[in-house]
């Protein structure tokens, strides 16, 4: 599972994660939680559970956690993350690590520097998060042709445009410099995933473009 859930943005609490892990154990399975979106919490929501804030499944019996510096801190070029599990699982993961692409030493070094300066980095990212989350929520609230919700503290949502074909919208968005994830990627052709991941001024401009595309279902008018 993903927490925050991708694509909806819903955030599960630790108690919920523990209950799901208990259920998985009944089937002799582990619970794998991708926490790449877990740090997406505002100051009011932040807590010390996870390495970058937000709830974590770390320490829950038979839970395996993955995370990275890619999403919240925007350090995707480092191609680095982490895995947390019981000692036996971690050792097995180390044994098979040579079968997957290796992590460059420079990425490890920059990743450590990021954690060393995490307080400053988190403050900047959390401020941008709060502003972008508010922008997206306001955008949806003002439109009667888009159904969906923005979870508290999320900058992404799974939305259903009701007056346009979603595949056509995705194509026209691309032609106008916007990237929307088609709902078919998440087994729901009627929806699109919208995410605000850059500076609020850029995202405000992007939402204005998206609004113009929704207002002009005929691609010739965009």
Protein backbone atom coordinates (compact mmCIF):
# COMPACT_ATOMS: atom_id res chain seq x y z
CA UNK A 1 0.00 0.00 0.00
CA UNK A 2 1.00 3.65 -0.33
CA UNK A 3 0.69 6.19 2.47
CA UNK A 4 -0.28 8.86 1.55
CA UNK A 5 -2.36 6.80 -0.82
CA UNK A 6 -1.53 7.37 -4.47
CA UNK A 7 -3.55 8.70 -6.29
CA UNK A 8 -6.18 9.89 -3.78
CA UNK A 9 -3.89 11.58 -1.24
CA UNK A 10 -5.59 9.98 1.77
CA UNK A 11 -3.33 9.55 4.81
CA UNK A 12 -3.65 6.45 7.01
CA UNK A 13 -2.78 6.60 10.71
CA UNK A 14 -0.42 4.15 12.39
CA UNK A 15 -3.29 2.30 14.06
CA UNK A 16 -4.82 1.58 10.65
CA UNK A 17 -1.50 0.36 9.28
CA UNK A 18 -1.07 -1.97 12.26
CA UNK A 19 -4.54 -3.45 11.70
CA UNK A 20 -3.77 -4.11 8.02
CA UNK A 21 -0.46 -5.75 8.99
CA UNK A 22 -2.31 -8.01 11.42
CA UNK A 23 -4.68 -9.02 8.63
CA UNK A 24 -1.79 -9.75 6.26
CA UNK A 25 -0.17 -11.91 8.92
CA UNK A 26 -3.27 -14.13 8.94
CA UNK A 27 -2.30 -15.06 5.37
CA UNK A 28 1.40 -15.52 6.18
CA UNK A 29 2.20 -12.29 4.34
CA UNK A 30 3.91 -9.01 5.14
CA UNK A 31 2.58 -5.50 4.72
CA UNK A 32 4.69 -3.38 2.35
CA UNK A 33 4.12 0.35 2.85
CA UNK A 34 5.59 2.84 0.40
CA UNK A 35 5.95 6.01 2.49
CA UNK A 36 7.33 8.28 -0.25
CA UNK A 37 4.32 10.59 0.27
CA UNK A 38 4.13 10.26 4.08
CA UNK A 39 6.05 13.53 4.73
CA UNK A 40 3.32 15.48 2.90
CA UNK A 41 1.87 16.95 6.10
CA UNK A 42 1.47 20.58 7.13
CA UNK A 43 2.96 22.03 10.31
CA UNK A 44 -0.33 21.37 12.09
CA UNK A 45 -0.27 17.70 11.02
CA UNK A 46 3.45 17.01 11.40
CA UNK A 47 4.58 14.54 13.99
CA UNK A 48 7.88 12.83 14.82
CA UNK A 49 6.88 9.31 13.77
CA UNK A 50 8.59 9.29 10.36
CA UNK A 51 12.04 10.53 9.35
CA UNK A 52 10.54 13.55 7.56
CA UNK A 53 7.27 13.86 9.48
CA UNK A 54 3.99 12.06 9.02
CA UNK A 55 2.92 8.64 10.36
CA UNK A 56 5.05 5.58 9.67
CA UNK A 57 4.60 1.82 9.80
CA UNK A 58 8.21 1.38 10.98
CA UNK A 59 8.34 -0.97 13.94
CA UNK A 60 5.00 -2.63 13.24
CA UNK A 61 5.38 -6.40 13.25
CA UNK A 62 5.77 -7.88 9.76
CA UNK A 63 5.67 -4.46 8.10
CA UNK A 64 8.23 -3.45 5.47
CA UNK A 65 8.67 0.26 4.77
CA UNK A 66 10.21 1.99 1.78
CA UNK A 67 10.86 5.71 1.41
CA UNK A 68 13.02 8.12 -0.54
CA UNK A 69 14.17 11.71 -0.92
CA UNK A 70 12.48 11.92 -4.32
CA UNK A 71 9.04 13.41 -3.70
CA UNK A 72 8.88 15.68 -0.67
CA UNK A 73 12.42 17.05 -0.87
CA UNK A 74 12.50 16.97 -4.68
CA UNK A 75 15.85 15.16 -4.86
CA UNK A 76 14.86 12.62 -7.48
CA UNK A 77 18.15 12.92 -9.35
CA UNK A 78 19.92 11.24 -6.41
CA UNK A 79 17.95 8.03 -7.02
CA UNK A 80 18.23 7.05 -3.38
CA UNK A 81 15.91 5.81 -0.68
CA UNK A 82 15.69 3.38 2.23
CA UNK A 83 14.07 0.19 3.45
CA UNK A 84 13.05 -0.55 7.05
CA UNK A 85 12.11 -4.03 8.22
CA UNK A 86 13.14 -6.78 10.64
CA UNK A 87 16.77 -7.89 10.56
CA UNK A 88 16.12 -11.11 8.61
CA UNK A 89 14.24 -9.30 5.85
CA UNK A 90 16.88 -6.57 5.59
CA UNK A 91 19.67 -9.15 5.36
CA UNK A 92 17.83 -10.96 2.57
CA UNK A 93 17.37 -7.64 0.78
CA UNK A 94 21.12 -7.01 0.99
CA UNK A 95 21.80 -10.44 -0.52
CA UNK A 96 19.75 -9.66 -3.64
CA UNK A 97 20.82 -6.01 -3.94
CA UNK A 98 23.41 -6.80 -6.61
CA UNK A 99 20.59 -7.86 -8.95
CA UNK A 100 19.18 -4.30 -9.07
CA UNK A 101 20.81 -1.00 -10.11
CA UNK A 102 23.32 0.21 -7.54
CA UNK A 103 23.28 3.58 -5.79
CA UNK A 104 26.17 5.91 -6.56
CA UNK A 105 28.39 6.90 -3.63
CA UNK A 106 27.82 10.57 -4.46
CA UNK A 107 24.06 10.02 -4.04
CA UNK A 108 24.67 8.52 -0.60
CA UNK A 109 26.81 11.52 0.34
CA UNK A 110 24.28 14.08 -0.84
CA UNK A 111 21.48 12.11 0.81
CA UNK A 112 23.30 12.28 4.15
CA UNK A 113 23.79 16.03 3.68
CA UNK A 114 20.07 16.40 3.04
CA UNK A 115 19.28 14.69 6.36
CA UNK A 116 21.92 16.82 8.07
CA UNK A 117 20.07 19.96 6.91
CA UNK A 118 16.61 18.44 7.17
CA UNK A 119 15.17 21.13 9.47
CA UNK A 120 15.82 23.91 6.95
CA UNK A 121 14.75 21.79 3.99
CA UNK A 122 11.56 20.64 5.68
CA UNK A 123 10.55 24.17 6.64
CA UNK A 124 10.84 25.36 3.04
CA UNK A 125 9.06 22.35 1.59
CA UNK A 126 6.29 22.43 4.20
CA UNK A 127 5.57 26.09 3.45
CA UNK A 128 5.29 25.29 -0.27
CA UNK A 129 3.17 22.24 0.53
CA UNK A 130 0.63 24.26 2.50
CA UNK A 131 0.30 26.88 -0.23
CA UNK A 132 -0.01 24.36 -3.07
CA UNK A 133 -2.53 22.27 -1.15
CA UNK A 134 -4.67 25.37 -0.62
CA UNK A 135 -4.38 26.28 -4.32
CA UNK A 136 -5.60 22.86 -5.43
CA UNK A 137 -8.44 22.78 -2.90
CA UNK A 138 -9.59 26.24 -3.98
CA UNK A 139 -9.44 25.24 -7.65
CA UNK A 140 -11.73 22.25 -7.09
CA UNK A 141 -14.12 24.19 -4.84
CA UNK A 142 -14.62 26.85 -7.50
CA UNK A 143 -15.49 24.44 -10.33
CA UNK A 144 -18.78 22.63 -10.81
CA UNK A 145 -17.38 20.46 -13.62
CA UNK A 146 -14.73 18.67 -11.54
CA UNK A 147 -15.59 16.10 -8.87
CA UNK A 148 -13.18 14.98 -6.18
CA UNK A 149 -11.48 16.12 -3.00
CA UNK A 150 -8.10 17.24 -1.72
CA UNK A 151 -7.08 15.43 1.45
CA UNK A 152 -5.77 17.73 4.19
CA UNK A 153 -2.13 18.55 3.50
CA UNK A 154 -2.06 16.83 0.10
CA UNK A 155 -0.87 18.51 -3.08
CA UNK A 156 -2.29 15.82 -5.36
CA UNK A 157 -5.78 14.45 -5.98
CA UNK A 158 -7.68 12.02 -8.18
CA UNK A 159 -10.28 14.11 -9.98
CA UNK A 160 -13.17 13.43 -12.35
CA UNK A 161 -13.85 16.09 -14.99
CA UNK A 162 -17.54 15.75 -15.81
CA UNK A 163 -17.77 17.79 -19.03
CA UNK A 164 -14.74 16.60 -21.04
CA UNK A 165 -13.22 13.34 -22.18
CA UNK A 166 -10.30 12.60 -19.87
CA UNK A 167 -7.99 11.16 -22.53
CA UNK A 168 -8.58 14.24 -24.68
CA UNK A 169 -7.95 16.47 -21.67
CA UNK A 170 -4.66 14.72 -20.92
CA UNK A 171 -3.56 15.09 -24.55
CA UNK A 172 -4.48 18.77 -24.75
CA UNK A 173 -2.83 19.43 -21.40
CA UNK A 174 0.42 17.95 -22.71
CA UNK A 175 0.22 20.16 -25.78
CA UNK A 176 -0.14 23.15 -23.45
CA UNK A 177 2.79 22.27 -21.21
CA UNK A 178 0.94 20.38 -18.47
CA UNK A 179 1.44 16.78 -17.39
CA UNK A 180 -1.68 15.00 -16.08
CA UNK A 181 -1.65 11.30 -15.18
CA UNK A 182 -4.48 9.46 -16.97
CA UNK A 183 -6.90 7.65 -14.71
CA UNK A 184 -6.37 4.43 -16.67
CA UNK A 185 -3.00 4.17 -14.91
CA UNK A 186 -5.06 3.65 -11.73
CA UNK A 187 -7.86 1.55 -13.30
CA UNK A 188 -10.35 4.45 -13.47
CA UNK A 189 -10.71 5.86 -16.97
CA UNK A 190 -13.03 8.67 -15.84
CA UNK A 191 -10.42 10.40 -13.66
CA UNK A 192 -7.06 12.14 -13.87
CA UNK A 193 -4.37 12.58 -11.25
CA UNK A 194 -3.40 16.20 -10.69
CA UNK A 195 -0.31 17.05 -8.64
CA UNK A 196 1.23 20.41 -7.74
CA UNK A 197 4.95 19.86 -7.23
CA UNK A 198 6.64 23.16 -8.02
CA UNK A 199 6.67 26.75 -6.77
CA UNK A 200 3.17 28.07 -5.96
CA UNK A 201 3.45 30.86 -8.54
CA UNK A 202 4.13 28.27 -11.25
CA UNK A 203 1.31 26.06 -9.98
CA UNK A 204 -1.15 28.96 -9.95
CA UNK A 205 -0.33 29.57 -13.61
CA UNK A 206 -0.67 25.85 -14.37
CA UNK A 207 -4.13 25.71 -12.80
CA UNK A 208 -5.23 28.68 -14.90
CA UNK A 209 -4.17 26.74 -18.01
CA UNK A 210 -6.02 23.67 -16.78
CA UNK A 211 -9.12 25.80 -16.19
CA UNK A 212 -8.96 27.11 -19.75
CA UNK A 213 -8.78 23.55 -21.09
CA UNK A 214 -11.78 22.50 -19.03
CA UNK A 215 -13.68 25.54 -20.30
CA UNK A 216 -12.89 24.65 -23.93
CA UNK A 217 -13.77 20.97 -24.48
CA UNK A 218 -13.13 21.44 -28.20
CA UNK A 219 -9.34 21.17 -28.59
CA UNK A 220 -9.48 23.76 -31.37
CA UNK A 221 -10.42 26.37 -28.78
CA UNK A 222 -7.51 25.72 -26.42
